[in-house]
Protein backbone atom coordinates (compact mmCIF):
# COMPACT_ATOMS: atom_id res chain seq x y z
CA MET A 1 233.11 -73.54 -209.86
CA THR A 2 232.12 -75.36 -213.40
CA GLU A 3 229.63 -73.84 -216.18
CA VAL A 4 226.42 -74.66 -216.31
CA GLY A 5 226.47 -77.30 -218.81
CA ILE A 6 230.16 -78.57 -218.12
CA HIS A 7 231.06 -81.59 -216.06
CA MET A 8 234.53 -82.75 -214.74
CA THR A 9 235.56 -86.44 -215.53
CA GLU A 10 237.38 -88.26 -212.92
CA ASP A 11 240.96 -86.45 -213.91
CA GLY A 12 239.50 -83.00 -214.02
CA ASP A 13 238.74 -83.04 -217.89
CA PRO A 14 235.90 -80.85 -218.58
CA THR A 15 233.32 -82.63 -221.12
CA VAL A 16 230.00 -81.56 -222.10
CA PRO A 17 226.96 -83.90 -221.15
CA LEU A 18 225.59 -85.85 -224.00
CA SER A 19 222.00 -85.73 -222.30
CA GLU A 20 219.74 -88.30 -224.10
CA TYR A 21 222.36 -89.79 -225.42
CA GLU A 22 224.09 -90.82 -222.36
CA GLY A 23 223.55 -94.27 -221.46
CA TYR A 24 224.24 -95.57 -225.03
CA ASP A 25 226.31 -98.56 -225.19
CA TRP A 26 228.49 -97.15 -228.01
CA ASN A 27 230.54 -100.34 -227.92
CA CYS A 28 227.64 -102.25 -229.33
CA LEU A 29 227.01 -101.07 -232.69
CA ASP A 30 227.92 -103.87 -234.53
CA GLY A 31 226.64 -104.11 -238.26
CA VAL A 32 226.04 -100.36 -238.46
CA PRO A 33 227.65 -98.50 -241.31
CA SER A 34 231.05 -96.54 -240.61
CA ALA A 35 230.53 -92.48 -240.16
CA ASP A 36 231.53 -91.80 -243.68
CA ASP A 37 228.95 -93.96 -245.02
CA LEU A 38 226.16 -93.02 -242.58
CA PHE A 39 226.61 -89.20 -243.07
CA SER A 40 226.89 -89.77 -246.86
CA VAL A 41 223.55 -91.37 -246.78
CA LEU A 42 222.06 -88.51 -244.42
CA SER A 43 223.94 -85.90 -247.06
CA HIS A 44 220.65 -86.10 -249.32
CA GLU A 45 217.30 -84.75 -248.23
CA GLU A 46 215.35 -87.34 -249.72
CA ARG A 47 217.10 -89.93 -248.09
CA ARG A 48 216.98 -88.41 -244.99
CA ARG A 49 212.92 -88.29 -245.88
CA LEU A 50 212.96 -92.09 -246.70
CA LEU A 51 214.68 -93.28 -243.48
CA TRP A 52 212.25 -90.96 -241.37
CA PHE A 53 209.59 -92.76 -243.37
CA LEU A 54 210.92 -96.33 -242.77
CA LEU A 55 211.30 -95.60 -239.06
CA GLU A 56 207.39 -95.91 -239.16
CA ARG A 57 207.02 -98.18 -241.65
CA PRO A 58 209.99 -100.36 -242.03
CA GLU A 59 208.43 -102.84 -244.73
CA THR A 60 207.08 -100.80 -247.90
CA THR A 61 207.87 -100.96 -251.69
CA VAL A 62 209.32 -98.65 -254.19
CA GLU A 63 206.04 -97.29 -255.44
CA GLU A 64 204.85 -96.41 -252.05
CA LEU A 65 208.02 -94.68 -251.47
CA ALA A 66 207.73 -92.84 -254.93
CA ASP A 67 204.30 -91.41 -253.33
CA VAL A 68 205.91 -90.59 -250.43
CA LEU A 69 208.68 -88.50 -252.28
CA VAL A 70 206.38 -86.77 -254.70
CA GLY A 71 203.90 -85.81 -251.64
CA TRP A 72 206.65 -84.11 -250.26
CA ARG A 73 207.75 -82.44 -253.15
CA LEU A 74 204.30 -81.19 -253.44
CA ARG A 75 204.16 -79.95 -250.06
CA ASP A 76 207.73 -78.24 -251.03
CA ASP A 77 206.92 -76.73 -254.63
CA ASP A 78 202.99 -76.86 -255.11
CA PHE A 79 202.96 -78.17 -258.41
CA VAL A 80 204.65 -81.81 -259.53
CA GLY A 81 204.94 -81.85 -263.46
CA GLU A 82 204.13 -85.54 -264.98
CA GLY A 83 207.35 -86.66 -265.26
CA GLU A 84 208.37 -85.88 -261.65
CA ARG A 85 206.95 -89.37 -260.23
CA ARG A 86 209.11 -91.42 -263.13
CA SER A 87 212.23 -89.24 -262.23
CA VAL A 88 211.95 -90.03 -258.65
CA LEU A 89 211.63 -93.86 -259.10
CA VAL A 90 214.32 -93.90 -261.39
CA SER A 91 216.67 -92.06 -258.86
CA LEU A 92 215.19 -94.66 -255.96
CA HIS A 93 215.85 -97.55 -258.29
CA HIS A 94 219.27 -96.17 -259.81
CA HIS A 95 220.97 -94.07 -256.89
CA HIS A 96 219.15 -93.80 -253.31
CA LEU A 97 217.98 -97.55 -252.52
CA PRO A 98 221.03 -98.79 -254.12
CA MET A 99 223.03 -96.29 -251.57
CA LEU A 100 221.00 -97.31 -248.67
CA ALA A 101 221.27 -100.82 -249.09
CA LYS A 102 225.04 -100.46 -249.23
CA SER A 103 225.27 -98.84 -246.22
CA GLY A 104 223.49 -102.12 -244.64
CA LEU A 105 220.36 -99.49 -243.36
CA VAL A 106 217.41 -101.32 -245.81
CA THR A 107 217.11 -104.65 -247.65
CA TYR A 108 216.34 -103.63 -251.40
CA ASP A 109 214.94 -106.13 -253.82
CA ALA A 110 214.90 -104.19 -257.41
CA ASP A 111 213.15 -107.30 -258.88
CA SER A 112 210.27 -107.28 -256.48
CA GLY A 113 210.36 -103.78 -255.50
CA SER A 114 210.61 -104.70 -251.78
CA VAL A 115 212.23 -102.51 -249.25
CA GLU A 116 212.95 -103.49 -245.89
CA PHE A 117 214.18 -101.42 -243.13
CA SER A 118 215.89 -103.28 -240.05
CA PRO A 119 215.78 -100.32 -237.37
CA PRO A 120 219.27 -99.70 -236.62
CA PRO A 121 220.62 -98.90 -232.87
CA ALA A 122 219.17 -95.88 -230.93
CA PRO A 123 221.90 -93.26 -231.47
CA ILE A 124 221.17 -94.00 -234.93
CA GLN A 125 217.59 -93.47 -235.00
CA VAL A 126 218.27 -90.69 -232.92
CA LEU A 127 220.22 -89.02 -235.66
CA ILE A 128 217.60 -89.59 -238.05
CA LYS A 129 214.95 -88.16 -236.27
CA PHE A 130 217.10 -85.25 -235.61
CA SER A 131 218.11 -84.86 -239.40
CA TYR A 132 214.76 -85.19 -240.23
CA GLN A 133 213.19 -82.39 -237.47
CA TYR A 134 216.64 -79.89 -238.72
CA ASP A 135 215.77 -80.34 -242.01
CA ASN A 136 211.97 -79.08 -241.29
CA ALA A 137 213.59 -76.31 -238.91
CA VAL A 138 215.87 -74.83 -241.28
CA ASP A 139 214.00 -74.69 -244.26
CA VAL A 140 210.92 -72.97 -242.97
CA PRO A 141 209.63 -70.78 -245.98
CA GLU A 142 209.49 -66.85 -245.37
CA ALA A 143 206.35 -65.07 -245.56
């Protein structure tokens, strides 16, 4: 008898089911970032928030992304100073968007300010959604 949630492979090795991840063709992930690059991208809260936003709105501008990030900061901090939006724009232009572009997750044109997101394969979309939801779950302010 096996424990609940544990399955046995044909050769008798125990495995944990992948539940919603079962059924993905893990061999067809052409053009996606390496695991190190993907997790490096996801290592910063603002990039996780950008990717979450881009799942819903894959064509946008740097200006709109700055507004979205400043809005999140307002929600988190209840106050955003005058220079905050400028700081967000600078970090988008010089750090976050180039990193996302290098990973291949977005196409970013610094001259026009356009940002395009080609939705990645389902496993990466699930990871983006999970990371955003995880942020919200663990960063709940205490009353």
